[in-house]
Amino acid sequence: MEIPLHDVSLENTFAKYELKFKALADRKRLMIMNEIVKRGSVCVCDLCEIIDMPQSKLSYHLKILFDADLLIKVTKGTWSYYELNEKEVNHILSEELCCLFRA
């Protein structure tokens, strides 16, 4: 039995947003995103101090946010700098996405 193209596309859309919402459903990750918003581009080493979290734990949370396309990572030398992916965050809050849940 073949799945209609519309259903496959919708299923892919749901999977993409499931990843994003799971990433956002954590208080620590929300705190991290908030600090990045306040500061713009932030180095992992600085975030460790700001958030008061060991680098290993912070890196775990940053990877989840990055994999969900909510953060952008720029590597300069040995350090990684993160900034908010404003386009993607704005899309989550957009009318387009809200329309998936309106009759």
Protein backbone atom coordinates (compact mmCIF):
# COMPACT_ATOMS: atom_id res chain seq x y z
CA MET A 1 0.00 0.00 0.00
CA GLU A 2 1.45 3.33 -1.07
CA ILE A 3 1.24 6.36 1.24
CA PRO A 4 -0.11 9.49 -0.47
CA LEU A 5 2.54 12.18 -1.07
CA HIS A 6 0.57 14.70 1.01
CA ASP A 7 0.63 12.38 4.04
CA VAL A 8 4.39 11.76 3.67
CA SER A 9 5.05 15.48 3.51
CA LEU A 10 2.86 16.11 6.54
CA GLU A 11 4.55 13.26 8.42
CA ASN A 12 7.98 14.77 7.66
CA THR A 13 6.76 18.15 8.86
CA PHE A 14 5.49 16.64 12.11
CA ALA A 15 8.80 14.80 12.67
CA LYS A 16 10.77 18.01 12.10
CA TYR A 17 8.71 19.94 14.63
CA GLU A 18 8.70 17.10 17.13
CA LEU A 19 12.49 17.43 17.26
CA LYS A 20 12.26 21.20 17.77
CA PHE A 21 9.61 21.04 20.47
CA LYS A 22 11.46 18.27 22.33
CA ALA A 23 14.56 20.48 22.29
CA LEU A 24 12.53 23.38 23.70
CA ALA A 25 10.83 21.25 26.36
CA ASP A 26 13.71 21.58 28.81
CA ARG A 27 14.25 24.38 31.31
CA LYS A 28 18.07 24.32 31.00
CA ARG A 29 17.91 24.61 27.21
CA LEU A 30 15.45 27.49 27.48
CA MET A 31 17.88 29.22 29.86
CA ILE A 32 20.73 28.63 27.41
CA MET A 33 18.71 30.07 24.52
CA ASN A 34 17.74 33.07 26.62
CA GLU A 35 21.37 33.83 27.46
CA ILE A 36 22.34 33.49 23.79
CA VAL A 37 19.55 35.90 22.83
CA LYS A 38 20.78 38.44 25.39
CA ARG A 39 24.41 38.21 24.31
CA GLY A 40 24.23 37.47 20.58
CA SER A 41 27.11 35.17 19.65
CA VAL A 42 28.47 33.38 22.72
CA CYS A 43 31.48 31.13 23.19
CA VAL A 44 30.94 27.80 24.94
CA CYS A 45 33.59 28.73 27.52
CA ASP A 46 31.66 31.89 28.44
CA LEU A 47 28.34 30.06 28.55
CA CYS A 48 29.77 27.57 31.05
CA GLU A 49 30.36 30.42 33.49
CA ILE A 50 27.11 32.23 32.73
CA ILE A 51 24.92 29.11 33.08
CA ASP A 52 27.14 27.59 35.81
CA MET A 53 27.27 24.22 34.08
CA PRO A 54 30.19 21.91 33.25
CA GLN A 55 31.21 22.04 29.59
CA SER A 56 30.25 18.40 29.00
CA LYS A 57 26.64 18.99 30.11
CA LEU A 58 26.43 22.30 28.29
CA SER A 59 27.73 20.71 25.09
CA TYR A 60 25.04 18.02 25.39
CA HIS A 61 22.28 20.65 25.56
CA LEU A 62 23.82 22.78 22.81
CA LYS A 63 23.97 19.76 20.49
CA ILE A 64 20.26 19.08 21.00
CA LEU A 65 19.42 22.70 20.20
CA PHE A 66 21.79 22.70 17.23
CA ASP A 67 20.42 19.42 15.86
CA ALA A 68 16.92 20.90 16.10
CA ASP A 69 18.20 23.81 13.96
CA LEU A 70 17.47 26.31 16.74
CA LEU A 71 21.10 27.42 17.04
CA ILE A 72 23.83 28.30 14.58
CA LYS A 73 27.40 27.26 15.43
CA VAL A 74 30.50 29.08 14.21
CA THR A 75 33.92 27.59 14.98
CA LYS A 76 36.81 30.01 15.46
CA GLY A 77 40.04 28.21 16.17
CA THR A 78 39.33 25.69 18.92
CA TRP A 79 36.23 27.47 20.25
CA SER A 80 32.64 27.17 19.15
CA TYR A 81 30.36 30.18 19.22
CA TYR A 82 26.60 29.81 19.22
CA GLU A 83 23.88 32.19 18.17
CA LEU A 84 20.15 31.87 17.83
CA ASN A 85 18.80 30.74 14.47
CA GLU A 86 16.27 33.57 14.40
CA LYS A 87 14.68 32.45 11.14
CA GLU A 88 13.85 29.03 12.57
CA VAL A 89 12.70 30.31 15.98
CA ASN A 90 10.48 32.90 14.28
CA HIS A 91 9.03 30.17 12.08
CA ILE A 92 8.05 28.14 15.17
CA LEU A 93 6.11 31.17 16.39
CA SER A 94 4.61 31.92 12.96
CA GLU A 95 1.08 31.81 11.60
CA GLU A 96 2.22 29.16 9.12
CA LEU A 97 2.93 26.64 11.85
CA CYS A 98 -0.09 27.64 13.92
CA CYS A 99 -2.28 26.88 10.90
CA LEU A 100 -1.44 23.18 11.26
CA PHE A 101 -3.57 23.22 14.43
CA ARG A 102 -6.52 25.32 13.30
CA ALA A 103 -9.65 24.04 11.60
